[in-house]
Amino acid sequence: MDNTETTHLVSMANDIAANLGFEANAGERIAEHINRFWAPRMRKLLLDYAASGGQGLCDAVSSALEKLRR
């Protein structure tokens, strides 16, 4: 990871997934949470990071980010 802010965003996104991952529609709920509560700049940084490989993002977050891209 290239900077502290990105590292923090990845950590926060993975924490959200850990808390919502047990739900049947986890990907939708994670995407909804990020879209609803994160600032646009934060979402963009995470989406850009995921597009460049997304090292450290859990599978549930990667799936949720695909939903946000649409």
PDB file of N, CA and C in Angstrom:
ATOM      1  N   MET A   1       0.839  -1.177   0.000  1.00  0.00           N
ATOM      2  CA  MET A   1       0.000   0.000   0.000  1.00  0.00           C
ATOM      3  C   MET A   1       0.878   1.232   0.000  1.00  0.00           C
ATOM      4  N   ASP A   2       0.398   2.242  -0.671  1.00  0.00           N
ATOM      5  CA  ASP A   2       1.260   3.382  -0.909  1.00  0.00           C
ATOM      6  C   ASP A   2       1.194   4.465   0.154  1.00  0.00           C
ATOM      7  N   ASN A   3       0.114   4.568   0.909  1.00  0.00           N
ATOM      8  CA  ASN A   3       0.072   5.622   1.918  1.00  0.00           C
ATOM      9  C   ASN A   3      -0.809   5.242   3.098  1.00  0.00           C
ATOM     10  N   THR A   4      -0.666   6.022   4.139  1.00  0.00           N
ATOM     11  CA  THR A   4      -1.385   5.740   5.377  1.00  0.00           C
ATOM     12  C   THR A   4      -2.893   5.856   5.208  1.00  0.00           C
ATOM     13  N   GLU A   5      -3.349   6.815   4.426  1.00  0.00           N
ATOM     14  CA  GLU A   5      -4.793   6.990   4.238  1.00  0.00           C
ATOM     15  C   GLU A   5      -5.402   5.764   3.557  1.00  0.00           C
ATOM     16  N   THR A   6      -4.756   5.282   2.532  1.00  0.00           N
ATOM     17  CA  THR A   6      -5.253   4.086   1.842  1.00  0.00           C
ATOM     18  C   THR A   6      -5.252   2.890   2.783  1.00  0.00           C
ATOM     19  N   THR A   7      -4.200   2.741   3.554  1.00  0.00           N
ATOM     20  CA  THR A   7      -4.119   1.651   4.522  1.00  0.00           C
ATOM     21  C   THR A   7      -5.281   1.717   5.502  1.00  0.00           C
ATOM     22  N   HIS A   8      -5.585   2.920   5.955  1.00  0.00           N
ATOM     23  CA  HIS A   8      -6.696   3.104   6.900  1.00  0.00           C
ATOM     24  C   HIS A   8      -8.032   2.768   6.237  1.00  0.00           C
ATOM     25  N   LEU A   9      -8.238   3.190   4.996  1.00  0.00           N
ATOM     26  CA  LEU A   9      -9.489   2.900   4.286  1.00  0.00           C
ATOM     27  C   LEU A   9      -9.670   1.393   4.078  1.00  0.00           C
ATOM     28  N   VAL A  10      -8.594   0.712   3.722  1.00  0.00           N
ATOM     29  CA  VAL A  10      -8.652  -0.742   3.537  1.00  0.00           C
ATOM     30  C   VAL A  10      -9.021  -1.405   4.860  1.00  0.00           C
ATOM     31  N   SER A  11      -8.412  -0.965   5.923  1.00  0.00           N
ATOM     32  CA  SER A  11      -8.703  -1.520   7.242  1.00  0.00           C
ATOM     33  C   SER A  11     -10.166  -1.287   7.622  1.00  0.00           C
ATOM     34  N   MET A  12     -10.654  -0.070   7.402  1.00  0.00           N
ATOM     35  CA  MET A  12     -12.048   0.236   7.718  1.00  0.00           C
ATOM     36  C   MET A  12     -13.005  -0.608   6.882  1.00  0.00           C
ATOM     37  N   ALA A  13     -12.732  -0.730   5.592  1.00  0.00           N
ATOM     38  CA  ALA A  13     -13.600  -1.524   4.711  1.00  0.00           C
ATOM     39  C   ALA A  13     -13.612  -2.991   5.134  1.00  0.00           C
ATOM     40  N   ASN A  14     -12.453  -3.527   5.474  1.00  0.00           N
ATOM     41  CA  ASN A  14     -12.382  -4.914   5.930  1.00  0.00           C
ATOM     42  C   ASN A  14     -13.122  -5.099   7.255  1.00  0.00           C
ATOM     43  N   ASP A  15     -13.081  -4.091   8.126  1.00  0.00           N
ATOM     44  CA  ASP A  15     -13.834  -4.150   9.387  1.00  0.00           C
ATOM     45  C   ASP A  15     -15.336  -4.169   9.125  1.00  0.00           C
ATOM     46  N   ILE A  16     -15.774  -3.360   8.179  1.00  0.00           N
ATOM     47  CA  ILE A  16     -17.201  -3.352   7.808  1.00  0.00           C
ATOM     48  C   ILE A  16     -17.597  -4.742   7.319  1.00  0.00           C
ATOM     49  N   ALA A  17     -16.765  -5.327   6.475  1.00  0.00           N
ATOM     50  CA  ALA A  17     -17.052  -6.666   5.956  1.00  0.00           C
ATOM     51  C   ALA A  17     -17.093  -7.696   7.078  1.00  0.00           C
ATOM     52  N   ALA A  18     -16.211  -7.561   8.052  1.00  0.00           N
ATOM     53  CA  ALA A  18     -16.203  -8.502   9.174  1.00  0.00           C
ATOM     54  C   ALA A  18     -17.499  -8.402   9.979  1.00  0.00           C
ATOM     55  N   ASN A  19     -18.048  -7.211  10.065  1.00  0.00           N
ATOM     56  CA  ASN A  19     -19.279  -7.016  10.830  1.00  0.00           C
ATOM     57  C   ASN A  19     -20.533  -7.382  10.050  1.00  0.00           C
ATOM     58  N   LEU A  20     -20.489  -7.248   8.742  1.00  0.00           N
ATOM     59  CA  LEU A  20     -21.682  -7.513   7.927  1.00  0.00           C
ATOM     60  C   LEU A  20     -21.575  -8.809   7.122  1.00  0.00           C
ATOM     61  N   GLY A  21     -20.430  -9.428   7.138  1.00  0.00           N
ATOM     62  CA  GLY A  21     -20.170 -10.593   6.299  1.00  0.00           C
ATOM     63  C   GLY A  21     -21.013 -11.809   6.571  1.00  0.00           C
ATOM     64  N   PHE A  22     -21.629 -11.871   7.724  1.00  0.00           N
ATOM     65  CA  PHE A  22     -22.455 -13.033   8.062  1.00  0.00           C
ATOM     66  C   PHE A  22     -23.827 -12.981   7.413  1.00  0.00           C
ATOM     67  N   GLU A  23     -24.224 -11.827   6.913  1.00  0.00           N
ATOM     68  CA  GLU A  23     -25.550 -11.679   6.315  1.00  0.00           C
ATOM     69  C   GLU A  23     -25.592 -12.296   4.920  1.00  0.00           C
ATOM     70  N   ALA A  24     -26.751 -12.782   4.535  1.00  0.00           N
ATOM     71  CA  ALA A  24     -26.908 -13.429   3.229  1.00  0.00           C
ATOM     72  C   ALA A  24     -26.576 -12.474   2.086  1.00  0.00           C
ATOM     73  N   ASN A  25     -26.925 -11.216   2.230  1.00  0.00           N
ATOM     74  CA  ASN A  25     -26.689 -10.216   1.195  1.00  0.00           C
ATOM     75  C   ASN A  25     -25.535  -9.293   1.595  1.00  0.00           C
ATOM     76  N   ALA A  26     -24.455  -9.880   2.090  1.00  0.00           N
ATOM     77  CA  ALA A  26     -23.334  -9.122   2.636  1.00  0.00           C
ATOM     78  C   ALA A  26     -22.752  -8.118   1.636  1.00  0.00           C
ATOM     79  N   GLY A  27     -22.569  -8.539   0.391  1.00  0.00           N
ATOM     80  CA  GLY A  27     -21.997  -7.627  -0.605  1.00  0.00           C
ATOM     81  C   GLY A  27     -22.832  -6.375  -0.793  1.00  0.00           C
ATOM     82  N   GLU A  28     -24.132  -6.555  -0.850  1.00  0.00           N
ATOM     83  CA  GLU A  28     -25.043  -5.410  -0.990  1.00  0.00           C
ATOM     84  C   GLU A  28     -24.972  -4.502   0.234  1.00  0.00           C
ATOM     85  N   ARG A  29     -24.950  -5.098   1.423  1.00  0.00           N
ATOM     86  CA  ARG A  29     -24.933  -4.320   2.663  1.00  0.00           C
ATOM     87  C   ARG A  29     -23.620  -3.550   2.825  1.00  0.00           C
ATOM     88  N   ILE A  30     -22.513  -4.171   2.454  1.00  0.00           N
ATOM     89  CA  ILE A  30     -21.214  -3.500   2.537  1.00  0.00           C
ATOM     90  C   ILE A  30     -21.185  -2.334   1.556  1.00  0.00           C
ATOM     91  N   ALA A  31     -21.629  -2.570   0.329  1.00  0.00           N
ATOM     92  CA  ALA A  31     -21.670  -1.502  -0.680  1.00  0.00           C
ATOM     93  C   ALA A  31     -22.573  -0.365  -0.218  1.00  0.00           C
ATOM     94  N   GLU A  32     -23.722  -0.710   0.330  1.00  0.00           N
ATOM     95  CA  GLU A  32     -24.665   0.299   0.820  1.00  0.00           C
ATOM     96  C   GLU A  32     -24.036   1.129   1.937  1.00  0.00           C
ATOM     97  N   HIS A  33     -23.361   0.478   2.857  1.00  0.00           N
ATOM     98  CA  HIS A  33     -22.725   1.187   3.969  1.00  0.00           C
ATOM     99  C   HIS A  33     -21.657   2.161   3.460  1.00  0.00           C
ATOM    100  N   ILE A  34     -20.788   1.677   2.590  1.00  0.00           N
ATOM    101  CA  ILE A  34     -19.724   2.534   2.058  1.00  0.00           C
ATOM    102  C   ILE A  34     -20.318   3.685   1.267  1.00  0.00           C
ATOM    103  N   ASN A  35     -21.317   3.413   0.458  1.00  0.00           N
ATOM    104  CA  ASN A  35     -21.936   4.465  -0.352  1.00  0.00           C
ATOM    105  C   ASN A  35     -22.649   5.503   0.517  1.00  0.00           C
ATOM    106  N   ARG A  36     -23.253   5.038   1.578  1.00  0.00           N
ATOM    107  CA  ARG A  36     -24.070   5.919   2.418  1.00  0.00           C
ATOM    108  C   ARG A  36     -23.249   6.744   3.408  1.00  0.00           C
ATOM    109  N   PHE A  37     -22.206   6.155   3.990  1.00  0.00           N
ATOM    110  CA  PHE A  37     -21.509   6.803   5.087  1.00  0.00           C
ATOM    111  C   PHE A  37     -20.108   7.322   4.765  1.00  0.00           C
ATOM    112  N   TRP A  38     -19.563   6.934   3.643  1.00  0.00           N
ATOM    113  CA  TRP A  38     -18.232   7.410   3.294  1.00  0.00           C
ATOM    114  C   TRP A  38     -18.338   8.621   2.373  1.00  0.00           C
ATOM    115  N   ALA A  39     -17.418   9.555   2.549  1.00  0.00           N
ATOM    116  CA  ALA A  39     -17.339  10.724   1.672  1.00  0.00           C
ATOM    117  C   ALA A  39     -16.962  10.264   0.262  1.00  0.00           C
ATOM    118  N   PRO A  40     -17.425  10.989  -0.749  1.00  0.00           N
ATOM    119  CA  PRO A  40     -17.102  10.607  -2.133  1.00  0.00           C
ATOM    120  C   PRO A  40     -15.601  10.420  -2.377  1.00  0.00           C
ATOM    121  N   ARG A  41     -14.783  11.267  -1.780  1.00  0.00           N
ATOM    122  CA  ARG A  41     -13.333  11.159  -1.975  1.00  0.00           C
ATOM    123  C   ARG A  41     -12.803   9.845  -1.395  1.00  0.00           C
ATOM    124  N   MET A  42     -13.330   9.434  -0.258  1.00  0.00           N
ATOM    125  CA  MET A  42     -12.914   8.168   0.358  1.00  0.00           C
ATOM    126  C   MET A  42     -13.302   6.995  -0.542  1.00  0.00           C
ATOM    127  N   ARG A  43     -14.536   7.026  -1.061  1.00  0.00           N
ATOM    128  CA  ARG A  43     -14.987   5.954  -1.968  1.00  0.00           C
ATOM    129  C   ARG A  43     -14.090   5.890  -3.198  1.00  0.00           C
ATOM    130  N   LYS A  44     -13.790   7.052  -3.761  1.00  0.00           N
ATOM    131  CA  LYS A  44     -12.955   7.093  -4.967  1.00  0.00           C
ATOM    132  C   LYS A  44     -11.565   6.523  -4.691  1.00  0.00           C
ATOM    133  N   LEU A  45     -10.977   6.901  -3.579  1.00  0.00           N
ATOM    134  CA  LEU A  45      -9.650   6.369  -3.237  1.00  0.00           C
ATOM    135  C   LEU A  45      -9.684   4.843  -3.124  1.00  0.00           C
ATOM    136  N   LEU A  46     -10.714   4.323  -2.469  1.00  0.00           N
ATOM    137  CA  LEU A  46     -10.803   2.875  -2.311  1.00  0.00           C
ATOM    138  C   LEU A  46     -11.090   2.179  -3.639  1.00  0.00           C
ATOM    139  N   LEU A  47     -11.969   2.752  -4.445  1.00  0.00           N
ATOM    140  CA  LEU A  47     -12.259   2.171  -5.756  1.00  0.00           C
ATOM    141  C   LEU A  47     -11.021   2.181  -6.647  1.00  0.00           C
ATOM    142  N   ASP A  48     -10.283   3.282  -6.643  1.00  0.00           N
ATOM    143  CA  ASP A  48      -9.048   3.369  -7.432  1.00  0.00           C
ATOM    144  C   ASP A  48      -8.023   2.350  -6.943  1.00  0.00           C
ATOM    145  N   TYR A  49      -7.931   2.212  -5.632  1.00  0.00           N
ATOM    146  CA  TYR A  49      -6.992   1.247  -5.066  1.00  0.00           C
ATOM    147  C   TYR A  49      -7.371  -0.175  -5.479  1.00  0.00           C
ATOM    148  N   ALA A  50      -8.653  -0.492  -5.398  1.00  0.00           N
ATOM    149  CA  ALA A  50      -9.129  -1.822  -5.796  1.00  0.00           C
ATOM    150  C   ALA A  50      -8.852  -2.075  -7.271  1.00  0.00           C
ATOM    151  N   ALA A  51      -9.034  -1.058  -8.101  1.00  0.00           N
ATOM    152  CA  ALA A  51      -8.808  -1.199  -9.539  1.00  0.00           C
ATOM    153  C   ALA A  51      -7.332  -1.456  -9.856  1.00  0.00           C
ATOM    154  N   SER A  52      -6.448  -1.022  -8.957  1.00  0.00           N
ATOM    155  CA  SER A  52      -5.014  -1.231  -9.191  1.00  0.00           C
ATOM    156  C   SER A  52      -4.491  -2.492  -8.513  1.00  0.00           C
ATOM    157  N   GLY A  53      -5.384  -3.376  -8.134  1.00  0.00           N
ATOM    158  CA  GLY A  53      -4.971  -4.644  -7.546  1.00  0.00           C
ATOM    159  C   GLY A  53      -5.607  -4.920  -6.197  1.00  0.00           C
ATOM    160  N   GLY A  54      -5.781  -3.885  -5.400  1.00  0.00           N
ATOM    161  CA  GLY A  54      -6.487  -4.011  -4.133  1.00  0.00           C
ATOM    162  C   GLY A  54      -5.855  -4.934  -3.115  1.00  0.00           C
ATOM    163  N   GLN A  55      -4.543  -4.951  -3.046  1.00  0.00           N
ATOM    164  CA  GLN A  55      -3.855  -5.823  -2.091  1.00  0.00           C
ATOM    165  C   GLN A  55      -4.358  -5.547  -0.678  1.00  0.00           C
ATOM    166  N   GLY A  56      -4.760  -6.608   0.023  1.00  0.00           N
ATOM    167  CA  GLY A  56      -5.203  -6.481   1.398  1.00  0.00           C
ATOM    168  C   GLY A  56      -6.707  -6.376   1.576  1.00  0.00           C
ATOM    169  N   LEU A  57      -7.439  -6.146   0.479  1.00  0.00           N
ATOM    170  CA  LEU A  57      -8.894  -6.095   0.575  1.00  0.00           C
ATOM    171  C   LEU A  57      -9.443  -7.513   0.650  1.00  0.00           C
ATOM    172  N   CYS A  58     -10.361  -7.748   1.575  1.00  0.00           N
ATOM    173  CA  CYS A  58     -10.958  -9.076   1.650  1.00  0.00           C
ATOM    174  C   CYS A  58     -11.917  -9.268   0.467  1.00  0.00           C
ATOM    175  N   ASP A  59     -12.253 -10.509   0.193  1.00  0.00           N
ATOM    176  CA  ASP A  59     -13.104 -10.837  -0.959  1.00  0.00           C
ATOM    177  C   ASP A  59     -14.465 -10.155  -0.887  1.00  0.00           C
ATOM    178  N   ALA A  60     -15.034 -10.056   0.314  1.00  0.00           N
ATOM    179  CA  ALA A  60     -16.350  -9.427   0.460  1.00  0.00           C
ATOM    180  C   ALA A  60     -16.304  -7.953   0.079  1.00  0.00           C
ATOM    181  N   VAL A  61     -15.227  -7.269   0.429  1.00  0.00           N
ATOM    182  CA  VAL A  61     -15.087  -5.855   0.073  1.00  0.00           C
ATOM    183  C   VAL A  61     -14.894  -5.724  -1.438  1.00  0.00           C
ATOM    184  N   SER A  62     -14.073  -6.573  -2.013  1.00  0.00           N
ATOM    185  CA  SER A  62     -13.864  -6.529  -3.465  1.00  0.00           C
ATOM    186  C   SER A  62     -15.184  -6.720  -4.202  1.00  0.00           C
ATOM    187  N   SER A  63     -15.980  -7.651  -3.744  1.00  0.00           N
ATOM    188  CA  SER A  63     -17.303  -7.886  -4.340  1.00  0.00           C
ATOM    189  C   SER A  63     -18.210  -6.663  -4.183  1.00  0.00           C
ATOM    190  N   ALA A  64     -18.194  -6.068  -3.001  1.00  0.00           N
ATOM    191  CA  ALA A  64     -19.018  -4.877  -2.755  1.00  0.00           C
ATOM    192  C   ALA A  64     -18.586  -3.714  -3.645  1.00  0.00           C
ATOM    193  N   LEU A  65     -17.291  -3.571  -3.854  1.00  0.00           N
ATOM    194  CA  LEU A  65     -16.805  -2.472  -4.687  1.00  0.00           C
ATOM    195  C   LEU A  65     -17.214  -2.654  -6.141  1.00  0.00           C
ATOM    196  N   GLU A  66     -17.317  -3.904  -6.589  1.00  0.00           N
ATOM    197  CA  GLU A  66     -17.832  -4.147  -7.939  1.00  0.00           C
ATOM    198  C   GLU A  66     -19.261  -3.621  -8.064  1.00  0.00           C
ATOM    199  N   LYS A  67     -20.043  -3.785  -7.019  1.00  0.00           N
ATOM    200  CA  LYS A  67     -21.420  -3.286  -7.017  1.00  0.00           C
ATOM    201  C   LYS A  67     -21.448  -1.760  -7.040  1.00  0.00           C
ATOM    202  N   LEU A  68     -20.502  -1.133  -6.341  1.00  0.00           N
ATOM    203  CA  LEU A  68     -20.441   0.332  -6.322  1.00  0.00           C
ATOM    204  C   LEU A  68     -20.014   0.903  -7.679  1.00  0.00           C
ATOM    205  N   ARG A  69     -19.186   0.165  -8.402  1.00  0.00           N
ATOM    206  CA  ARG A  69     -18.738   0.642  -9.716  1.00  0.00           C
ATOM    207  C   ARG A  69     -19.884   0.737 -10.713  1.00  0.00           C
ATOM    208  N   ARG A  70     -20.916  -0.084 -10.541  1.00  0.00           N
ATOM    209  CA  ARG A  70     -22.043  -0.119 -11.488  1.00  0.00           C
ATOM    210  C   ARG A  70     -22.946   1.047 -11.315  1.00  0.00           C
TER     211      ARG A  70
END
